[in-house]
């Protein structure tokens, strides 16, 4: 259990193959790309994520929740919500969802997504919106 606040937030752009990770600070309301986690196997995925958590000691997490432009769930929405709930279960820290409808499209280069930059965009949007406390992970969302 954390005994102090760091102001650090880790942001995630969840994907089946890769998970983009970003680092942000509530005090400065700024985010930057941190790296990409290989999500092909559960063990390697959680080893890499646990390392980032241990290295940065965040107060909370922000996970991009993919949706179609009309707001309906995307095929990856359920998996991103599951990932968010797993983060809460593993750490006991709050996880906030952020709309990621357009972040990935804006950051494609040569047909390839830039996952860590996308995670930074998601996290920066969350800061810019005033850090909405739309917590996920403590209850199942549909």
N, C-alpha and C. Protein backbone atom coordinates (compact mmCIF):
# COMPACT_ATOMS: atom_id res chain seq x y z
N UNK A 1 0.84 -1.18 0.00
CA UNK A 1 0.00 0.00 0.00
C UNK A 1 0.88 1.25 0.00
N UNK A 2 0.56 2.20 -0.87
CA UNK A 2 1.34 3.42 -0.96
C UNK A 2 1.15 4.29 0.28
N UNK A 3 2.23 4.89 0.71
CA UNK A 3 2.16 5.77 1.87
C UNK A 3 2.34 7.23 1.49
N UNK A 4 2.61 7.51 0.21
CA UNK A 4 2.82 8.88 -0.23
C UNK A 4 2.31 9.03 -1.67
N UNK A 5 2.07 10.27 -2.06
CA UNK A 5 1.65 10.58 -3.42
C UNK A 5 2.85 11.06 -4.22
N UNK A 6 2.98 10.57 -5.43
CA UNK A 6 4.09 10.97 -6.29
C UNK A 6 3.67 11.94 -7.38
N UNK A 7 2.37 11.96 -7.71
CA UNK A 7 1.90 12.77 -8.83
C UNK A 7 2.09 12.08 -10.16
N UNK A 8 2.69 10.90 -10.14
CA UNK A 8 2.99 10.16 -11.37
C UNK A 8 1.78 9.37 -11.83
N UNK A 9 1.54 9.41 -13.14
CA UNK A 9 0.47 8.64 -13.77
C UNK A 9 1.09 7.86 -14.93
N UNK A 10 0.76 6.58 -15.03
CA UNK A 10 1.14 5.80 -16.20
C UNK A 10 -0.09 5.65 -17.08
N UNK A 11 0.09 5.92 -18.37
CA UNK A 11 -0.99 5.79 -19.34
C UNK A 11 -0.72 4.63 -20.26
N UNK A 12 -1.78 3.96 -20.69
CA UNK A 12 -1.65 2.79 -21.54
C UNK A 12 -2.56 2.88 -22.75
N UNK A 13 -2.01 2.53 -23.90
CA UNK A 13 -2.78 2.32 -25.13
C UNK A 13 -2.79 0.82 -25.35
N UNK A 14 -3.86 0.16 -24.92
CA UNK A 14 -3.93 -1.30 -24.94
C UNK A 14 -4.09 -1.83 -26.36
N UNK A 15 -3.33 -2.87 -26.65
CA UNK A 15 -3.46 -3.61 -27.91
C UNK A 15 -3.18 -5.07 -27.67
N UNK A 16 -3.67 -5.91 -28.54
CA UNK A 16 -3.48 -7.36 -28.38
C UNK A 16 -2.02 -7.77 -28.53
N UNK A 17 -1.28 -7.06 -29.36
CA UNK A 17 0.12 -7.41 -29.64
C UNK A 17 1.09 -6.49 -28.90
N UNK A 18 0.75 -5.21 -28.86
CA UNK A 18 1.61 -4.21 -28.21
C UNK A 18 0.76 -3.31 -27.32
N UNK A 19 1.37 -2.87 -26.23
CA UNK A 19 0.72 -1.91 -25.35
C UNK A 19 1.65 -0.70 -25.23
N UNK A 20 1.17 0.43 -25.69
CA UNK A 20 1.95 1.65 -25.55
C UNK A 20 1.87 2.15 -24.12
N UNK A 21 2.99 2.66 -23.62
CA UNK A 21 3.05 3.16 -22.24
C UNK A 21 3.53 4.61 -22.27
N UNK A 22 2.89 5.44 -21.46
CA UNK A 22 3.28 6.84 -21.34
C UNK A 22 3.42 7.20 -19.88
N UNK A 23 4.21 8.22 -19.64
CA UNK A 23 4.47 8.72 -18.30
C UNK A 23 3.93 10.14 -18.21
N UNK A 24 3.22 10.43 -17.14
CA UNK A 24 2.71 11.77 -16.94
C UNK A 24 2.81 12.18 -15.49
N UNK A 25 2.62 13.48 -15.27
CA UNK A 25 2.67 14.02 -13.93
C UNK A 25 1.47 14.94 -13.73
N UNK A 26 0.71 14.69 -12.69
CA UNK A 26 -0.49 15.48 -12.41
C UNK A 26 -0.13 16.94 -12.15
N UNK A 27 0.99 17.21 -11.51
CA UNK A 27 1.37 18.58 -11.17
C UNK A 27 1.68 19.42 -12.41
N UNK A 28 2.35 18.82 -13.39
CA UNK A 28 2.70 19.55 -14.60
C UNK A 28 1.67 19.35 -15.71
N UNK A 29 0.78 18.37 -15.55
CA UNK A 29 -0.24 18.03 -16.54
C UNK A 29 0.39 17.77 -17.90
N UNK A 30 1.52 17.09 -17.88
CA UNK A 30 2.21 16.75 -19.12
C UNK A 30 2.44 15.26 -19.23
N UNK A 31 2.47 14.78 -20.47
CA UNK A 31 2.69 13.35 -20.73
C UNK A 31 3.74 13.19 -21.81
N UNK A 32 4.46 12.06 -21.73
CA UNK A 32 5.45 11.74 -22.77
C UNK A 32 5.48 10.23 -22.98
N UNK A 33 5.85 9.80 -24.19
CA UNK A 33 5.96 8.37 -24.45
C UNK A 33 7.03 7.75 -23.56
N UNK A 34 6.77 6.53 -23.12
CA UNK A 34 7.72 5.83 -22.24
C UNK A 34 8.25 4.56 -22.88
N UNK A 35 7.43 3.86 -23.64
CA UNK A 35 7.89 2.63 -24.27
C UNK A 35 6.74 1.78 -24.74
N UNK A 36 7.09 0.63 -25.29
CA UNK A 36 6.10 -0.30 -25.81
C UNK A 36 6.32 -1.65 -25.16
N UNK A 37 5.22 -2.23 -24.65
CA UNK A 37 5.25 -3.53 -24.00
C UNK A 37 4.80 -4.59 -25.00
N UNK A 38 5.54 -5.68 -25.07
CA UNK A 38 5.15 -6.82 -25.91
C UNK A 38 4.03 -7.56 -25.20
N UNK A 39 2.85 -7.58 -25.81
CA UNK A 39 1.68 -8.19 -25.17
C UNK A 39 1.36 -9.57 -25.71
N UNK A 40 2.27 -10.18 -26.43
CA UNK A 40 1.98 -11.48 -27.05
C UNK A 40 1.80 -12.59 -26.02
N UNK A 41 2.51 -12.51 -24.89
CA UNK A 41 2.31 -13.51 -23.84
C UNK A 41 2.01 -12.80 -22.52
N UNK A 42 1.16 -13.42 -21.70
CA UNK A 42 0.79 -12.82 -20.41
C UNK A 42 2.00 -12.58 -19.52
N UNK A 43 2.90 -13.56 -19.49
CA UNK A 43 4.05 -13.46 -18.59
C UNK A 43 4.93 -12.27 -18.97
N UNK A 44 5.31 -12.18 -20.24
CA UNK A 44 6.18 -11.07 -20.64
C UNK A 44 5.46 -9.74 -20.50
N UNK A 45 4.17 -9.72 -20.82
CA UNK A 45 3.39 -8.48 -20.70
C UNK A 45 3.42 -7.96 -19.26
N UNK A 46 3.05 -8.82 -18.32
CA UNK A 46 2.98 -8.37 -16.93
C UNK A 46 4.36 -8.14 -16.32
N UNK A 47 5.38 -8.88 -16.76
CA UNK A 47 6.74 -8.61 -16.27
C UNK A 47 7.16 -7.19 -16.66
N UNK A 48 6.90 -6.83 -17.92
CA UNK A 48 7.29 -5.50 -18.39
C UNK A 48 6.47 -4.40 -17.70
N UNK A 49 5.18 -4.63 -17.54
CA UNK A 49 4.33 -3.63 -16.90
C UNK A 49 4.69 -3.49 -15.42
N UNK A 50 4.91 -4.62 -14.74
CA UNK A 50 5.32 -4.56 -13.33
C UNK A 50 6.62 -3.79 -13.17
N UNK A 51 7.54 -3.94 -14.11
CA UNK A 51 8.81 -3.20 -14.04
C UNK A 51 8.55 -1.69 -14.14
N UNK A 52 7.69 -1.29 -15.07
CA UNK A 52 7.37 0.14 -15.20
C UNK A 52 6.71 0.66 -13.91
N UNK A 53 5.81 -0.13 -13.35
CA UNK A 53 5.14 0.27 -12.11
C UNK A 53 6.15 0.42 -10.97
N UNK A 54 7.05 -0.54 -10.84
CA UNK A 54 8.07 -0.47 -9.79
C UNK A 54 9.04 0.69 -10.01
N UNK A 55 9.40 0.93 -11.27
CA UNK A 55 10.33 2.02 -11.58
C UNK A 55 9.73 3.40 -11.30
N UNK A 56 8.45 3.58 -11.60
CA UNK A 56 7.85 4.91 -11.56
C UNK A 56 6.94 5.17 -10.36
N UNK A 57 6.49 4.14 -9.66
CA UNK A 57 5.67 4.28 -8.46
C UNK A 57 4.47 5.23 -8.68
N UNK A 58 3.60 4.90 -9.65
CA UNK A 58 2.50 5.82 -9.97
C UNK A 58 1.43 5.86 -8.89
N UNK A 59 0.66 6.95 -8.93
CA UNK A 59 -0.50 7.10 -8.05
C UNK A 59 -1.74 6.47 -8.68
N UNK A 60 -1.78 6.45 -10.01
CA UNK A 60 -2.93 5.91 -10.72
C UNK A 60 -2.53 5.59 -12.15
N UNK A 61 -3.49 5.05 -12.88
CA UNK A 61 -3.28 4.69 -14.29
C UNK A 61 -4.41 5.27 -15.12
N UNK A 62 -4.11 5.51 -16.40
CA UNK A 62 -5.13 5.88 -17.38
C UNK A 62 -5.01 4.89 -18.53
N UNK A 63 -6.13 4.27 -18.87
CA UNK A 63 -6.16 3.30 -19.97
C UNK A 63 -7.08 3.84 -21.05
N UNK A 64 -6.57 3.89 -22.27
CA UNK A 64 -7.40 4.30 -23.40
C UNK A 64 -8.45 3.24 -23.69
N UNK A 65 -9.69 3.66 -23.81
CA UNK A 65 -10.79 2.75 -24.10
C UNK A 65 -11.24 3.00 -25.54
N UNK A 66 -11.00 2.02 -26.42
CA UNK A 66 -11.35 2.21 -27.82
C UNK A 66 -12.86 2.10 -28.05
N UNK A 67 -13.35 2.99 -28.87
CA UNK A 67 -14.76 2.96 -29.28
C UNK A 67 -14.83 3.41 -30.74
N UNK A 68 -15.89 3.03 -31.39
CA UNK A 68 -16.13 3.50 -32.75
C UNK A 68 -16.49 4.98 -32.70
N UNK A 69 -16.38 5.69 -33.83
CA UNK A 69 -16.69 7.12 -33.83
C UNK A 69 -18.08 7.47 -33.28
N UNK A 70 -19.04 6.54 -33.42
CA UNK A 70 -20.39 6.81 -32.91
C UNK A 70 -20.52 6.50 -31.42
N UNK A 71 -19.43 6.05 -30.78
CA UNK A 71 -19.44 5.77 -29.35
C UNK A 71 -19.70 4.33 -28.98
N UNK A 72 -20.07 3.53 -29.97
CA UNK A 72 -20.31 2.11 -29.69
C UNK A 72 -19.01 1.38 -29.41
N UNK A 73 -19.08 0.29 -28.65
CA UNK A 73 -17.86 -0.47 -28.32
C UNK A 73 -17.14 -0.97 -29.57
N UNK A 74 -15.85 -0.95 -29.50
CA UNK A 74 -14.94 -1.46 -30.52
C UNK A 74 -14.66 -2.91 -30.19
N UNK A 75 -14.12 -3.69 -31.12
CA UNK A 75 -13.83 -5.09 -30.83
C UNK A 75 -12.79 -5.26 -29.72
N UNK A 76 -12.01 -4.24 -29.44
CA UNK A 76 -10.99 -4.32 -28.40
C UNK A 76 -11.46 -3.68 -27.08
N UNK A 77 -12.63 -3.06 -27.08
CA UNK A 77 -13.12 -2.37 -25.89
C UNK A 77 -13.16 -3.29 -24.68
N UNK A 78 -13.74 -4.45 -24.84
CA UNK A 78 -13.87 -5.39 -23.72
C UNK A 78 -12.49 -5.80 -23.18
N UNK A 79 -11.53 -6.03 -24.08
CA UNK A 79 -10.19 -6.42 -23.64
C UNK A 79 -9.49 -5.28 -22.92
N UNK A 80 -9.67 -4.05 -23.38
CA UNK A 80 -9.06 -2.90 -22.70
C UNK A 80 -9.65 -2.73 -21.30
N UNK A 81 -10.96 -2.92 -21.17
CA UNK A 81 -11.59 -2.84 -19.85
C UNK A 81 -11.09 -3.95 -18.93
N UNK A 82 -10.91 -5.13 -19.49
CA UNK A 82 -10.37 -6.25 -18.70
C UNK A 82 -8.96 -5.93 -18.22
N UNK A 83 -8.14 -5.40 -19.12
CA UNK A 83 -6.78 -4.99 -18.77
C UNK A 83 -6.82 -3.97 -17.63
N UNK A 84 -7.73 -3.01 -17.70
CA UNK A 84 -7.86 -1.99 -16.65
C UNK A 84 -8.21 -2.64 -15.31
N UNK A 85 -9.15 -3.57 -15.33
CA UNK A 85 -9.53 -4.26 -14.09
C UNK A 85 -8.37 -5.07 -13.54
N UNK A 86 -7.58 -5.68 -14.43
CA UNK A 86 -6.41 -6.44 -13.98
C UNK A 86 -5.39 -5.52 -13.32
N UNK A 87 -5.19 -4.33 -13.87
CA UNK A 87 -4.27 -3.36 -13.25
C UNK A 87 -4.71 -3.03 -11.83
N UNK A 88 -6.00 -2.78 -11.66
CA UNK A 88 -6.52 -2.50 -10.32
C UNK A 88 -6.32 -3.68 -9.40
N UNK A 89 -6.63 -4.87 -9.90
CA UNK A 89 -6.48 -6.08 -9.08
C UNK A 89 -5.05 -6.34 -8.67
N UNK A 90 -4.12 -6.05 -9.56
CA UNK A 90 -2.71 -6.32 -9.27
C UNK A 90 -2.09 -5.27 -8.36
N UNK A 91 -2.58 -4.03 -8.44
CA UNK A 91 -1.91 -2.93 -7.73
C UNK A 91 -2.75 -2.30 -6.62
N UNK A 92 -4.05 -2.41 -6.71
CA UNK A 92 -4.93 -1.72 -5.77
C UNK A 92 -5.05 -0.23 -6.05
N UNK A 93 -4.44 0.23 -7.14
CA UNK A 93 -4.48 1.66 -7.49
C UNK A 93 -5.66 1.95 -8.42
N UNK A 94 -6.14 3.18 -8.41
CA UNK A 94 -7.24 3.53 -9.31
C UNK A 94 -6.80 3.53 -10.77
N UNK A 95 -7.72 3.13 -11.63
CA UNK A 95 -7.51 3.12 -13.07
C UNK A 95 -8.65 3.93 -13.69
N UNK A 96 -8.29 4.92 -14.49
CA UNK A 96 -9.28 5.77 -15.14
C UNK A 96 -9.30 5.49 -16.63
N UNK A 97 -10.50 5.46 -17.18
CA UNK A 97 -10.65 5.25 -18.62
C UNK A 97 -10.64 6.57 -19.35
N UNK A 98 -10.06 6.56 -20.54
CA UNK A 98 -10.03 7.76 -21.38
C UNK A 98 -10.45 7.37 -22.79
N UNK A 99 -11.21 8.23 -23.40
CA UNK A 99 -11.67 8.01 -24.77
C UNK A 99 -10.46 8.07 -25.71
N UNK A 100 -10.27 7.01 -26.47
CA UNK A 100 -9.12 7.01 -27.39
C UNK A 100 -9.56 6.94 -28.84
N UNK A 101 -10.77 7.37 -29.13
CA UNK A 101 -11.32 7.22 -30.48
C UNK A 101 -10.41 7.74 -31.57
N UNK A 102 -9.77 8.86 -31.38
CA UNK A 102 -9.03 9.45 -32.49
C UNK A 102 -7.53 9.51 -32.26
N UNK A 103 -7.06 9.12 -31.11
CA UNK A 103 -5.63 9.25 -30.81
C UNK A 103 -4.78 8.37 -31.71
N UNK A 104 -5.19 7.15 -31.94
CA UNK A 104 -4.37 6.24 -32.74
C UNK A 104 -4.35 6.64 -34.21
N UNK A 105 -5.48 7.10 -34.72
CA UNK A 105 -5.55 7.50 -36.12
C UNK A 105 -4.61 8.68 -36.37
N UNK A 106 -4.54 9.59 -35.42
CA UNK A 106 -3.68 10.76 -35.57
C UNK A 106 -2.21 10.41 -35.58
N UNK A 107 -1.86 9.25 -35.02
CA UNK A 107 -0.46 8.94 -34.81
C UNK A 107 0.03 7.75 -35.64
N UNK A 108 -0.58 7.50 -36.78
CA UNK A 108 -0.07 6.45 -37.63
C UNK A 108 1.02 7.04 -38.52
N UNK A 109 2.08 6.29 -38.66
CA UNK A 109 3.17 6.71 -39.52
C UNK A 109 3.51 5.54 -40.43
N UNK A 110 3.46 5.78 -41.72
CA UNK A 110 3.76 4.73 -42.69
C UNK A 110 2.91 3.48 -42.45
N UNK A 111 1.65 3.70 -42.07
CA UNK A 111 0.74 2.58 -41.85
C UNK A 111 0.97 1.85 -40.54
N UNK A 112 1.92 2.29 -39.73
CA UNK A 112 2.20 1.64 -38.45
C UNK A 112 1.82 2.56 -37.31
N UNK A 113 1.15 2.00 -36.33
CA UNK A 113 0.80 2.79 -35.15
C UNK A 113 2.03 3.00 -34.29
N UNK A 114 2.08 4.13 -33.70
CA UNK A 114 3.16 4.46 -32.78
C UNK A 114 2.53 4.40 -31.39
N UNK A 115 2.57 3.21 -30.79
CA UNK A 115 1.78 2.93 -29.60
C UNK A 115 2.14 3.77 -28.39
N UNK A 116 3.43 4.02 -28.16
CA UNK A 116 3.78 4.81 -26.98
C UNK A 116 3.39 6.28 -27.16
N UNK A 117 3.50 6.79 -28.39
CA UNK A 117 3.05 8.16 -28.65
C UNK A 117 1.53 8.24 -28.51
N UNK A 118 0.84 7.20 -28.92
CA UNK A 118 -0.61 7.15 -28.76
C UNK A 118 -0.98 7.15 -27.28
N UNK A 119 -0.25 6.38 -26.47
CA UNK A 119 -0.49 6.37 -25.02
C UNK A 119 -0.27 7.76 -24.44
N UNK A 120 0.76 8.47 -24.91
CA UNK A 120 1.02 9.83 -24.42
C UNK A 120 -0.11 10.78 -24.83
N UNK A 121 -0.63 10.61 -26.03
CA UNK A 121 -1.75 11.44 -26.49
C UNK A 121 -2.99 11.19 -25.64
N UNK A 122 -3.27 9.92 -25.36
CA UNK A 122 -4.41 9.56 -24.51
C UNK A 122 -4.26 10.19 -23.13
N UNK A 123 -3.08 10.06 -22.56
CA UNK A 123 -2.83 10.60 -21.23
C UNK A 123 -2.90 12.13 -21.24
N UNK A 124 -2.33 12.76 -22.26
CA UNK A 124 -2.38 14.22 -22.35
C UNK A 124 -3.82 14.71 -22.49
N UNK A 125 -4.64 14.00 -23.28
CA UNK A 125 -6.05 14.37 -23.40
C UNK A 125 -6.74 14.28 -22.04
N UNK A 126 -6.40 13.25 -21.27
CA UNK A 126 -6.99 13.08 -19.94
C UNK A 126 -6.62 14.28 -19.05
N UNK A 127 -5.35 14.69 -19.10
CA UNK A 127 -4.93 15.88 -18.35
C UNK A 127 -5.69 17.11 -18.84
N UNK A 128 -5.75 17.29 -20.17
CA UNK A 128 -6.39 18.47 -20.75
C UNK A 128 -7.87 18.55 -20.40
N UNK A 129 -8.50 17.40 -20.17
CA UNK A 129 -9.92 17.37 -19.80
C UNK A 129 -10.11 17.53 -18.29
N UNK A 130 -9.04 17.79 -17.57
CA UNK A 130 -9.14 18.03 -16.13
C UNK A 130 -9.06 16.77 -15.28
N UNK A 131 -8.45 15.72 -15.80
CA UNK A 131 -8.27 14.45 -15.07
C UNK A 131 -9.60 13.88 -14.59
N UNK A 132 -10.55 13.63 -15.50
CA UNK A 132 -11.85 13.11 -15.07
C UNK A 132 -11.70 11.79 -14.32
N UNK A 133 -12.41 11.68 -13.23
CA UNK A 133 -12.30 10.50 -12.36
C UNK A 133 -13.32 9.43 -12.74
N UNK A 134 -13.32 9.05 -14.00
CA UNK A 134 -14.20 7.98 -14.47
C UNK A 134 -13.49 6.65 -14.25
N UNK A 135 -13.49 6.25 -12.99
CA UNK A 135 -12.72 5.07 -12.58
C UNK A 135 -13.34 3.79 -13.12
N UNK A 136 -12.48 2.93 -13.64
CA UNK A 136 -12.89 1.59 -14.05
C UNK A 136 -12.04 0.60 -13.29
N UNK A 137 -12.45 -0.62 -13.29
CA UNK A 137 -11.66 -1.63 -12.61
C UNK A 137 -12.26 -2.06 -11.29
N UNK A 138 -13.06 -1.23 -10.67
CA UNK A 138 -13.67 -1.60 -9.40
C UNK A 138 -15.05 -2.22 -9.61
N UNK A 139 -15.59 -2.00 -10.80
CA UNK A 139 -16.86 -2.62 -11.14
C UNK A 139 -16.80 -3.01 -12.61
N UNK A 140 -17.61 -3.96 -12.99
CA UNK A 140 -17.61 -4.41 -14.38
C UNK A 140 -18.49 -3.47 -15.18
N UNK A 141 -17.94 -2.93 -16.28
CA UNK A 141 -18.69 -2.06 -17.16
C UNK A 141 -19.10 -2.84 -18.39
N UNK A 142 -20.22 -2.47 -18.95
CA UNK A 142 -20.71 -3.13 -20.17
C UNK A 142 -20.50 -2.25 -21.36
